[in-house]
PDB file of N, CA and C in Angstrom:
ATOM      1  N   MET A   1     102.918 108.589 108.071  1.00  0.00           N
ATOM      2  CA  MET A   1     104.113 109.365 107.883  1.00  0.00           C
ATOM      3  C   MET A   1     105.264 108.320 107.547  1.00  0.00           C
ATOM      4  N   LEU A   2     106.194 108.793 106.643  1.00  0.00           N
ATOM      5  CA  LEU A   2     107.353 107.933 106.423  1.00  0.00           C
ATOM      6  C   LEU A   2     108.233 107.869 107.518  1.00  0.00           C
ATOM      7  N   GLN A   3     108.843 106.722 107.828  1.00  0.00           N
ATOM      8  CA  GLN A   3     109.722 106.516 108.866  1.00  0.00           C
ATOM      9  C   GLN A   3     111.193 106.134 108.235  1.00  0.00           C
ATOM     10  N   ILE A   4     112.191 106.863 108.756  1.00  0.00           N
ATOM     11  CA  ILE A   4     113.496 106.684 108.232  1.00  0.00           C
ATOM     12  C   ILE A   4     114.363 106.187 109.351  1.00  0.00           C
ATOM     13  N   ASN A   5     115.236 105.199 109.157  1.00  0.00           N
ATOM     14  CA  ASN A   5     116.074 104.622 110.085  1.00  0.00           C
ATOM     15  C   ASN A   5     117.401 105.355 110.072  1.00  0.00           C
ATOM     16  N   CYS A   6     117.669 106.127 111.248  1.00  0.00           N
ATOM     17  CA  CYS A   6     118.981 106.713 111.484  1.00  0.00           C
ATOM     18  C   CYS A   6     119.888 105.661 112.098  1.00  0.00           C
ATOM     19  N   PRO A   7     121.059 105.436 111.489  1.00  0.00           N
ATOM     20  CA  PRO A   7     121.876 104.400 111.934  1.00  0.00           C
ATOM     21  C   PRO A   7     122.385 104.643 113.365  1.00  0.00           C
ATOM     22  N   TRP A   8     122.394 105.914 113.938  1.00  0.00           N
ATOM     23  CA  TRP A   8     122.631 106.144 115.218  1.00  0.00           C
ATOM     24  C   TRP A   8     121.354 106.164 116.289  1.00  0.00           C
ATOM     25  N   CYS A   9     120.367 106.766 115.805  1.00  0.00           N
ATOM     26  CA  CYS A   9     119.174 107.058 116.689  1.00  0.00           C
ATOM     27  C   CYS A   9     117.981 106.015 116.535  1.00  0.00           C
ATOM     28  N   GLY A  10     118.047 105.282 115.474  1.00  0.00           N
ATOM     29  CA  GLY A  10     116.890 104.412 115.183  1.00  0.00           C
ATOM     30  C   GLY A  10     115.879 105.078 114.274  1.00  0.00           C
ATOM     31  N   THR A  11     114.759 104.468 114.229  1.00  0.00           N
ATOM     32  CA  THR A  11     113.651 104.837 113.354  1.00  0.00           C
ATOM     33  C   THR A  11     113.004 106.129 113.856  1.00  0.00           C
ATOM     34  N   ARG A  12     112.852 107.075 112.976  1.00  0.00           N
ATOM     35  CA  ARG A  12     112.287 108.437 113.396  1.00  0.00           C
ATOM     36  C   ARG A  12     111.414 108.943 112.139  1.00  0.00           C
ATOM     37  N   ALA A  13     110.470 109.893 112.423  1.00  0.00           N
ATOM     38  CA  ALA A  13     109.599 110.404 111.467  1.00  0.00           C
ATOM     39  C   ALA A  13     110.410 111.180 110.356  1.00  0.00           C
ATOM     40  N   GLU A  14     109.991 111.136 109.203  1.00  0.00           N
ATOM     41  CA  GLU A  14     110.691 111.834 108.019  1.00  0.00           C
ATOM     42  C   GLU A  14     110.952 113.323 108.234  1.00  0.00           C
ATOM     43  N   ILE A  15     110.082 114.008 108.982  1.00  0.00           N
ATOM     44  CA  ILE A  15     110.236 115.364 109.262  1.00  0.00           C
ATOM     45  C   ILE A  15     111.567 115.721 109.944  1.00  0.00           C
ATOM     46  N   GLU A  16     112.272 114.700 110.631  1.00  0.00           N
ATOM     47  CA  GLU A  16     113.459 115.009 111.333  1.00  0.00           C
ATOM     48  C   GLU A  16     114.672 115.047 110.337  1.00  0.00           C
ATOM     49  N   PHE A  17     114.457 114.694 109.010  1.00  0.00           N
ATOM     50  CA  PHE A  17     115.683 114.476 108.162  1.00  0.00           C
ATOM     51  C   PHE A  17     115.576 115.430 106.997  1.00  0.00           C
ATOM     52  N   THR A  18     116.864 115.774 106.421  1.00  0.00           N
ATOM     53  CA  THR A  18     116.879 116.348 105.289  1.00  0.00           C
ATOM     54  C   THR A  18     117.861 115.514 104.267  1.00  0.00           C
ATOM     55  N   CYS A  19     117.511 115.659 103.090  1.00  0.00           N
ATOM     56  CA  CYS A  19     118.263 114.825 102.045  1.00  0.00           C
ATOM     57  C   CYS A  19     119.339 115.712 101.516  1.00  0.00           C
ATOM     58  N   GLY A  20     120.497 115.132 101.410  1.00  0.00           N
ATOM     59  CA  GLY A  20     121.731 115.762 100.932  1.00  0.00           C
ATOM     60  C   GLY A  20     121.999 115.585  99.415  1.00  0.00           C
ATOM     61  N   GLY A  21     121.196 114.760  98.822  1.00  0.00           N
ATOM     62  CA  GLY A  21     121.507 114.581  97.355  1.00  0.00           C
ATOM     63  C   GLY A  21     122.165 113.196  97.107  1.00  0.00           C
ATOM     64  N   GLU A  22     122.761 113.009  96.088  1.00  0.00           N
ATOM     65  CA  GLU A  22     123.338 111.905  95.551  1.00  0.00           C
ATOM     66  C   GLU A  22     124.502 111.447  96.512  1.00  0.00           C
ATOM     67  N   GLY A  23     124.710 110.223  96.895  1.00  0.00           N
ATOM     68  CA  GLY A  23     125.712 109.762  97.779  1.00  0.00           C
ATOM     69  C   GLY A  23     126.880 109.134  96.930  1.00  0.00           C
ATOM     70  N   GLY A  24     128.119 109.175  97.670  1.00  0.00           N
ATOM     71  CA  GLY A  24     129.200 108.566  96.976  1.00  0.00           C
ATOM     72  C   GLY A  24     129.952 109.404  96.005  1.00  0.00           C
ATOM     73  N   ILE A  25     129.618 110.742  96.093  1.00  0.00           N
ATOM     74  CA  ILE A  25     130.332 111.685  95.271  1.00  0.00           C
ATOM     75  C   ILE A  25     131.766 112.021  95.883  1.00  0.00           C
ATOM     76  N   VAL A  26     132.779 111.795  95.179  1.00  0.00           N
ATOM     77  CA  VAL A  26     134.041 112.039  95.842  1.00  0.00           C
ATOM     78  C   VAL A  26     134.606 113.267  95.155  1.00  0.00           C
ATOM     79  N   ARG A  27     135.086 114.180  96.103  1.00  0.00           N
ATOM     80  CA  ARG A  27     135.743 115.579  95.688  1.00  0.00           C
ATOM     81  C   ARG A  27     137.018 115.156  94.891  1.00  0.00           C
ATOM     82  N   PRO A  28     137.114 115.832  93.745  1.00  0.00           N
ATOM     83  CA  PRO A  28     138.436 115.618  92.996  1.00  0.00           C
ATOM     84  C   PRO A  28     139.583 116.004  93.668  1.00  0.00           C
ATOM     85  N   LEU A  29     140.654 115.345  93.623  1.00  0.00           N
ATOM     86  CA  LEU A  29     141.929 115.581  94.334  1.00  0.00           C
ATOM     87  C   LEU A  29     142.642 116.866  93.841  1.00  0.00           C
ATOM     88  N   ASP A  30     142.639 117.065  92.509  1.00  0.00           N
ATOM     89  CA  ASP A  30     143.309 118.251  92.005  1.00  0.00           C
ATOM     90  C   ASP A  30     142.322 119.106  91.394  1.00  0.00           C
ATOM     91  N   SER A  31     141.453 119.781  92.138  1.00  0.00           N
ATOM     92  CA  SER A  31     140.413 120.480  91.654  1.00  0.00           C
ATOM     93  C   SER A  31     140.820 121.828  90.978  1.00  0.00           C
ATOM     94  N   GLU A  32     141.992 122.281  91.370  1.00  0.00           N
ATOM     95  CA  GLU A  32     142.600 123.502  90.862  1.00  0.00           C
ATOM     96  C   GLU A  32     142.894 123.324  89.320  1.00  0.00           C
ATOM     97  N   ALA A  33     143.185 122.107  88.849  1.00  0.00           N
ATOM     98  CA  ALA A  33     143.646 121.736  87.474  1.00  0.00           C
ATOM     99  C   ALA A  33     142.438 121.543  86.651  1.00  0.00           C
ATOM    100  N   MET A  34     141.314 121.579  87.179  1.00  0.00           N
ATOM    101  CA  MET A  34     140.034 121.348  86.385  1.00  0.00           C
ATOM    102  C   MET A  34     139.626 122.671  85.667  1.00  0.00           C
ATOM    103  N   ASP A  35     139.123 122.452  84.476  1.00  0.00           N
ATOM    104  CA  ASP A  35     138.572 123.609  83.798  1.00  0.00           C
ATOM    105  C   ASP A  35     137.115 123.806  84.213  1.00  0.00           C
ATOM    106  N   ASP A  36     136.558 125.000  83.775  1.00  0.00           N
ATOM    107  CA  ASP A  36     135.191 125.427  84.285  1.00  0.00           C
ATOM    108  C   ASP A  36     134.150 124.287  83.889  1.00  0.00           C
ATOM    109  N   ARG A  37     134.249 123.680  82.791  1.00  0.00           N
ATOM    110  CA  ARG A  37     133.334 122.558  82.510  1.00  0.00           C
ATOM    111  C   ARG A  37     133.461 121.389  83.322  1.00  0.00           C
ATOM    112  N   GLN A  38     134.644 120.984  83.573  1.00  0.00           N
ATOM    113  CA  GLN A  38     134.843 119.834  84.435  1.00  0.00           C
ATOM    114  C   GLN A  38     134.455 120.195  85.965  1.00  0.00           C
ATOM    115  N   TRP A  39     134.694 121.333  86.449  1.00  0.00           N
ATOM    116  CA  TRP A  39     134.126 121.694  87.798  1.00  0.00           C
ATOM    117  C   TRP A  39     132.673 121.812  87.853  1.00  0.00           C
ATOM    118  N   GLY A  40     132.151 122.329  86.801  1.00  0.00           N
ATOM    119  CA  GLY A  40     130.602 122.506  86.663  1.00  0.00           C
ATOM    120  C   GLY A  40     130.017 121.073  86.723  1.00  0.00           C
ATOM    121  N   ASP A  41     130.629 120.154  86.021  1.00  0.00           N
ATOM    122  CA  ASP A  41     130.013 118.771  85.986  1.00  0.00           C
ATOM    123  C   ASP A  41     130.155 118.180  87.475  1.00  0.00           C
ATOM    124  N   TYR A  42     131.332 118.367  88.139  1.00  0.00           N
ATOM    125  CA  TYR A  42     131.378 117.742  89.514  1.00  0.00           C
ATOM    126  C   TYR A  42     130.334 118.417  90.415  1.00  0.00           C
ATOM    127  N   VAL A  43     130.058 119.756  90.269  1.00  0.00           N
ATOM    128  CA  VAL A  43     129.322 120.436  91.243  1.00  0.00           C
ATOM    129  C   VAL A  43     127.828 120.145  90.966  1.00  0.00           C
ATOM    130  N   PHE A  44     127.440 120.196  89.664  1.00  0.00           N
ATOM    131  CA  PHE A  44     125.956 120.274  89.436  1.00  0.00           C
ATOM    132  C   PHE A  44     125.528 118.921  88.766  1.00  0.00           C
ATOM    133  N   MET A  45     126.262 118.135  88.057  1.00  0.00           N
ATOM    134  CA  MET A  45     125.627 116.957  87.375  1.00  0.00           C
ATOM    135  C   MET A  45     125.626 115.824  88.203  1.00  0.00           C
ATOM    136  N   ARG A  46     124.306 115.410  88.407  1.00  0.00           N
ATOM    137  CA  ARG A  46     123.971 114.281  89.299  1.00  0.00           C
ATOM    138  C   ARG A  46     123.050 113.316  88.525  1.00  0.00           C
ATOM    139  N   GLU A  47     123.055 112.094  88.930  1.00  0.00           N
ATOM    140  CA  GLU A  47     122.099 111.155  88.314  1.00  0.00           C
ATOM    141  C   GLU A  47     120.742 111.466  88.934  1.00  0.00           C
ATOM    142  N   ASN A  48     119.748 111.037  88.197  1.00  0.00           N
ATOM    143  CA  ASN A  48     118.314 111.172  88.628  1.00  0.00           C
ATOM    144  C   ASN A  48     117.561 110.031  88.143  1.00  0.00           C
ATOM    145  N   PRO A  49     117.953 108.891  88.694  1.00  0.00           N
ATOM    146  CA  PRO A  49     117.355 107.621  88.154  1.00  0.00           C
ATOM    147  C   PRO A  49     115.901 107.421  88.638  1.00  0.00           C
ATOM    148  N   LYS A  50     115.119 106.594  87.900  1.00  0.00           N
ATOM    149  CA  LYS A  50     113.852 106.139  88.288  1.00  0.00           C
ATOM    150  C   LYS A  50     114.180 104.692  88.840  1.00  0.00           C
ATOM    151  N   GLY A  51     114.093 104.583  90.190  1.00  0.00           N
ATOM    152  CA  GLY A  51     114.387 103.356  90.749  1.00  0.00           C
ATOM    153  C   GLY A  51     115.308 103.505  91.937  1.00  0.00           C
ATOM    154  N   LEU A  52     116.259 102.593  92.163  1.00  0.00           N
ATOM    155  CA  LEU A  52     117.218 102.700  93.327  1.00  0.00           C
ATOM    156  C   LEU A  52     118.291 103.732  93.122  1.00  0.00           C
ATOM    157  N   HIS A  53     118.407 104.449  94.258  1.00  0.00           N
ATOM    158  CA  HIS A  53     119.400 105.495  94.183  1.00  0.00           C
ATOM    159  C   HIS A  53     120.105 105.735  95.521  1.00  0.00           C
ATOM    160  N   HIS A  54     121.502 105.776  95.348  1.00  0.00           N
ATOM    161  CA  HIS A  54     122.312 106.011  96.608  1.00  0.00           C
ATOM    162  C   HIS A  54     122.332 107.490  96.914  1.00  0.00           C
ATOM    163  N   GLU A  55     121.892 107.830  98.159  1.00  0.00           N
ATOM    164  CA  GLU A  55     121.794 109.159  98.588  1.00  0.00           C
ATOM    165  C   GLU A  55     122.507 109.311 100.010  1.00  0.00           C
ATOM    166  N   GLN A  56     122.713 110.504 100.358  1.00  0.00           N
ATOM    167  CA  GLN A  56     123.128 110.850 101.674  1.00  0.00           C
ATOM    168  C   GLN A  56     122.028 111.729 102.320  1.00  0.00           C
ATOM    169  N   TRP A  57     121.844 111.470 103.603  1.00  0.00           N
ATOM    170  CA  TRP A  57     120.883 112.075 104.435  1.00  0.00           C
ATOM    171  C   TRP A  57     121.378 112.484 105.726  1.00  0.00           C
ATOM    172  N   ARG A  58     120.863 113.480 106.233  1.00  0.00           N
ATOM    173  CA  ARG A  58     121.132 114.075 107.570  1.00  0.00           C
ATOM    174  C   ARG A  58     119.997 114.034 108.685  1.00  0.00           C
ATOM    175  N   HIS A  59     120.264 113.572 109.765  1.00  0.00           N
ATOM    176  CA  HIS A  59     119.294 113.520 110.779  1.00  0.00           C
ATOM    177  C   HIS A  59     119.292 114.984 111.527  1.00  0.00           C
ATOM    178  N   ALA A  60     118.743 115.937 110.749  1.00  0.00           N
ATOM    179  CA  ALA A  60     118.865 117.268 111.170  1.00  0.00           C
ATOM    180  C   ALA A  60     118.130 117.710 112.528  1.00  0.00           C
ATOM    181  N   SER A  61     117.117 117.137 112.949  1.00  0.00           N
ATOM    182  CA  SER A  61     116.343 117.282 114.144  1.00  0.00           C
ATOM    183  C   SER A  61     116.683 116.281 115.196  1.00  0.00           C
ATOM    184  N   GLY A  62     117.740 115.482 114.990  1.00  0.00           N
ATOM    185  CA  GLY A  62     118.139 114.555 115.842  1.00  0.00           C
ATOM    186  C   GLY A  62     119.575 114.690 116.166  1.00  0.00           C
ATOM    187  N   CYS A  63     120.432 113.730 115.889  1.00  0.00           N
ATOM    188  CA  CYS A  63     121.773 113.635 116.253  1.00  0.00           C
ATOM    189  C   CYS A  63     122.639 114.621 115.416  1.00  0.00           C
ATOM    190  N   GLY A  64     122.011 115.054 114.185  1.00  0.00           N
ATOM    191  CA  GLY A  64     122.686 115.847 113.265  1.00  0.00           C
ATOM    192  C   GLY A  64     123.759 115.332 112.439  1.00  0.00           C
ATOM    193  N   ARG A  65     123.766 113.893 112.450  1.00  0.00           N
ATOM    194  CA  ARG A  65     124.838 113.253 111.596  1.00  0.00           C
ATOM    195  C   ARG A  65     124.410 112.896 110.315  1.00  0.00           C
ATOM    196  N   TRP A  66     125.367 112.727 109.177  1.00  0.00           N
ATOM    197  CA  TRP A  66     125.008 112.350 108.062  1.00  0.00           C
ATOM    198  C   TRP A  66     125.129 110.816 107.869  1.00  0.00           C
ATOM    199  N   PHE A  67     124.449 110.208 106.969  1.00  0.00           N
ATOM    200  CA  PHE A  67     124.435 108.845 106.769  1.00  0.00           C
ATOM    201  C   PHE A  67     124.076 108.409 105.251  1.00  0.00           C
ATOM    202  N   ASN A  68     124.383 107.305 104.930  1.00  0.00           N
ATOM    203  CA  ASN A  68     124.062 106.838 103.535  1.00  0.00           C
ATOM    204  C   ASN A  68     122.732 106.229 103.474  1.00  0.00           C
ATOM    205  N   ALA A  69     122.053 106.227 102.388  1.00  0.00           N
ATOM    206  CA  ALA A  69     120.706 105.511 102.286  1.00  0.00           C
ATOM    207  C   ALA A  69     120.676 104.998 100.790  1.00  0.00           C
ATOM    208  N   LEU A  70     120.015 103.933 100.789  1.00  0.00           N
ATOM    209  CA  LEU A  70     119.623 103.371  99.390  1.00  0.00           C
ATOM    210  C   LEU A  70     118.128 103.431  99.325  1.00  0.00           C
ATOM    211  N   ARG A  71     117.602 104.368  98.492  1.00  0.00           N
ATOM    212  CA  ARG A  71     116.113 104.689  98.454  1.00  0.00           C
ATOM    213  C   ARG A  71     115.644 104.396  96.970  1.00  0.00           C
ATOM    214  N   HIS A  72     114.407 104.048  96.967  1.00  0.00           N
ATOM    215  CA  HIS A  72     113.705 103.888  95.697  1.00  0.00           C
ATOM    216  C   HIS A  72     112.999 105.235  95.334  1.00  0.00           C
ATOM    217  N   THR A  73     113.329 105.739  94.132  1.00  0.00           N
ATOM    218  CA  THR A  73     112.722 107.142  93.931  1.00  0.00           C
ATOM    219  C   THR A  73     111.317 107.096  93.405  1.00  0.00           C
ATOM    220  N   VAL A  74     110.736 105.996  93.079  1.00  0.00           N
ATOM    221  CA  VAL A  74     109.390 105.877  92.751  1.00  0.00           C
ATOM    222  C   VAL A  74     108.424 105.652  93.887  1.00  0.00           C
ATOM    223  N   ASN A  75     108.773 104.738  94.752  1.00  0.00           N
ATOM    224  CA  ASN A  75     107.789 104.428  95.901  1.00  0.00           C
ATOM    225  C   ASN A  75     108.401 104.982  97.188  1.00  0.00           C
ATOM    226  N   TYR A  76     109.537 105.691  97.128  1.00  0.00           N
ATOM    227  CA  TYR A  76     110.171 106.331  98.296  1.00  0.00           C
ATOM    228  C   TYR A  76     110.593 105.374  99.363  1.00  0.00           C
ATOM    229  N   ARG A  77     110.580 104.158  99.150  1.00  0.00           N
ATOM    230  CA  ARG A  77     110.985 103.196 100.119  1.00  0.00           C
ATOM    231  C   ARG A  77     112.490 103.135 100.312  1.00  0.00           C
ATOM    232  N   PHE A  78     112.883 103.220 101.595  1.00  0.00           N
ATOM    233  CA  PHE A  78     114.332 103.119 101.964  1.00  0.00           C
ATOM    234  C   PHE A  78     114.714 101.627 102.045  1.00  0.00           C
ATOM    235  N   GLU A  79     115.635 101.143 101.249  1.00  0.00           N
ATOM    236  CA  GLU A  79     116.055  99.819 101.285  1.00  0.00           C
ATOM    237  C   GLU A  79     117.024  99.523 102.320  1.00  0.00           C
ATOM    238  N   ALA A  80     117.842 100.499 102.517  1.00  0.00           N
ATOM    239  CA  ALA A  80     118.844 100.351 103.611  1.00  0.00           C
ATOM    240  C   ALA A  80     119.491 101.767 103.937  1.00  0.00           C
ATOM    241  N   THR A  81     119.976 101.909 105.300  1.00  0.00           N
ATOM    242  CA  THR A  81     120.684 103.147 105.641  1.00  0.00           C
ATOM    243  C   THR A  81     121.861 102.475 106.352  1.00  0.00           C
ATOM    244  N   TRP A  82     122.993 103.225 106.264  1.00  0.00           N
ATOM    245  CA  TRP A  82     124.218 102.890 107.010  1.00  0.00           C
ATOM    246  C   TRP A  82     125.180 104.030 107.273  1.00  0.00           C
ATOM    247  N   LYS A  83     126.036 103.960 108.246  1.00  0.00           N
ATOM    248  CA  LYS A  83     126.963 105.067 108.578  1.00  0.00           C
ATOM    249  C   LYS A  83     127.983 105.269 107.512  1.00  0.00           C
ATOM    250  N   ILE A  84     128.278 106.577 107.209  1.00  0.00           N
ATOM    251  CA  ILE A  84     129.216 106.957 106.295  1.00  0.00           C
ATOM    252  C   ILE A  84     130.565 106.443 106.748  1.00  0.00           C
ATOM    253  N   GLY A  85     131.318 105.802 105.911  1.00  0.00           N
ATOM    254  CA  GLY A  85     132.741 105.295 106.254  1.00  0.00           C
ATOM    255  C   GLY A  85     132.541 103.742 106.507  1.00  0.00           C
ATOM    256  N   GLU A  86     131.403 103.195 106.801  1.00  0.00           N
ATOM    257  CA  GLU A  86     131.175 101.852 107.044  1.00  0.00           C
ATOM    258  C   GLU A  86     130.836 101.101 105.794  1.00  0.00           C
ATOM    259  N   PRO A  87     130.982  99.792 105.609  1.00  0.00           N
ATOM    260  CA  PRO A  87     130.557  99.098 104.501  1.00  0.00           C
ATOM    261  C   PRO A  87     129.033  99.016 104.372  1.00  0.00           C
ATOM    262  N   ALA A  88     128.590  99.098 103.110  1.00  0.00           N
ATOM    263  CA  ALA A  88     127.181  98.967 102.914  1.00  0.00           C
ATOM    264  C   ALA A  88     126.561  97.675 103.244  1.00  0.00           C
ATOM    265  N   PRO A  89     125.419  97.703 103.830  1.00  0.00           N
ATOM    266  CA  PRO A  89     124.839  96.365 104.128  1.00  0.00           C
ATOM    267  C   PRO A  89     124.503  95.562 102.888  1.00  0.00           C
ATOM    268  N   ALA A  90     124.396  94.263 103.033  1.00  0.00           N
ATOM    269  CA  ALA A  90     124.122  93.252 101.769  1.00  0.00           C
ATOM    270  C   ALA A  90     123.167  93.815 100.873  1.00  0.00           C
ATOM    271  N   GLU A  91     121.926  94.383 101.289  1.00  0.00           N
ATOM    272  CA  GLU A  91     120.944  94.798 100.373  1.00  0.00           C
ATOM    273  C   GLU A  91     121.315  95.965  99.719  1.00  0.00           C
ATOM    274  N   ALA A  92     122.348  96.755 100.028  1.00  0.00           N
ATOM    275  CA  ALA A  92     122.762  97.813  99.293  1.00  0.00           C
ATOM    276  C   ALA A  92     124.081  97.591  98.558  1.00  0.00           C
ATOM    277  N   ALA A  93     124.853  96.689  99.015  1.00  0.00           N
ATOM    278  CA  ALA A  93     126.146  96.425  98.350  1.00  0.00           C
ATOM    279  C   ALA A  93     126.087  95.996  96.958  1.00  0.00           C
ATOM    280  N   ALA A  94     125.206  95.097  96.585  1.00  0.00           N
ATOM    281  CA  ALA A  94     124.916  94.562  95.275  1.00  0.00           C
ATOM    282  C   ALA A  94     124.652  95.762  94.384  1.00  0.00           C
ATOM    283  N   TYR A  95     123.767  96.669  94.722  1.00  0.00           N
ATOM    284  CA  TYR A  95     123.483  97.834  93.855  1.00  0.00           C
ATOM    285  C   TYR A  95     124.623  98.741  93.651  1.00  0.00           C
ATOM    286  N   LEU A  96     125.448  99.053  94.663  1.00  0.00           N
ATOM    287  CA  LEU A  96     126.592  99.952  94.634  1.00  0.00           C
ATOM    288  C   LEU A  96     127.671  99.192  93.730  1.00  0.00           C
ATOM    289  N   ASN A  97     127.825  97.934  93.917  1.00  0.00           N
ATOM    290  CA  ASN A  97     128.965  97.209  93.128  1.00  0.00           C
ATOM    291  C   ASN A  97     128.562  97.259  91.615  1.00  0.00           C
ATOM    292  N   GLN A  98     127.213  97.150  91.318  1.00  0.00           N
ATOM    293  CA  GLN A  98     126.699  97.224  89.966  1.00  0.00           C
ATOM    294  C   GLN A  98     127.025  98.598  89.362  1.00  0.00           C
ATOM    295  N   GLY A  99     126.860  99.623  90.187  1.00  0.00           N
ATOM    296  CA  GLY A  99     127.092 100.962  89.747  1.00  0.00           C
ATOM    297  C   GLY A  99     128.651 101.316  89.398  1.00  0.00           C
ATOM    298  N   ALA A 100     129.412 100.515  90.254  1.00  0.00           N
ATOM    299  CA  ALA A 100     130.905 100.754  89.921  1.00  0.00           C
ATOM    300  C   ALA A 100     131.245 100.086  88.683  1.00  0.00           C
ATOM    301  N   ALA A 101     130.592  99.076  88.204  1.00  0.00           N
ATOM    302  CA  ALA A 101     130.866  98.446  86.851  1.00  0.00           C
ATOM    303  C   ALA A 101     130.375  99.251  85.631  1.00  0.00           C
ATOM    304  N   ARG A 102     129.534 100.160  85.856  1.00  0.00           N
ATOM    305  CA  ARG A 102     129.015 101.061  84.839  1.00  0.00           C
ATOM    306  C   ARG A 102     130.092 101.877  84.105  1.00  0.00           C
TER     307      ARG A 102
END
């Protein structure tokens, strides 16, 4: 069984977690000024890469907290997990910084 590291509880079985989708999505500040297309893009349009992907996960059957994860979508391997609001660990920071340059 796949093991996922919760930043608060430690390593637990995959069945305790739920994926919340792509991580790092920031809600628009002036959403009321957005037209329907722009709002639809914010709500529904997400990346679906083959390879590393920044996601948010919830330890649903544990502490209930959300956290960030860097996961490989082909082999399902978690490269890093970290608390929301904290800096990404070194193994994830390079990937996230590369995404900001895109």
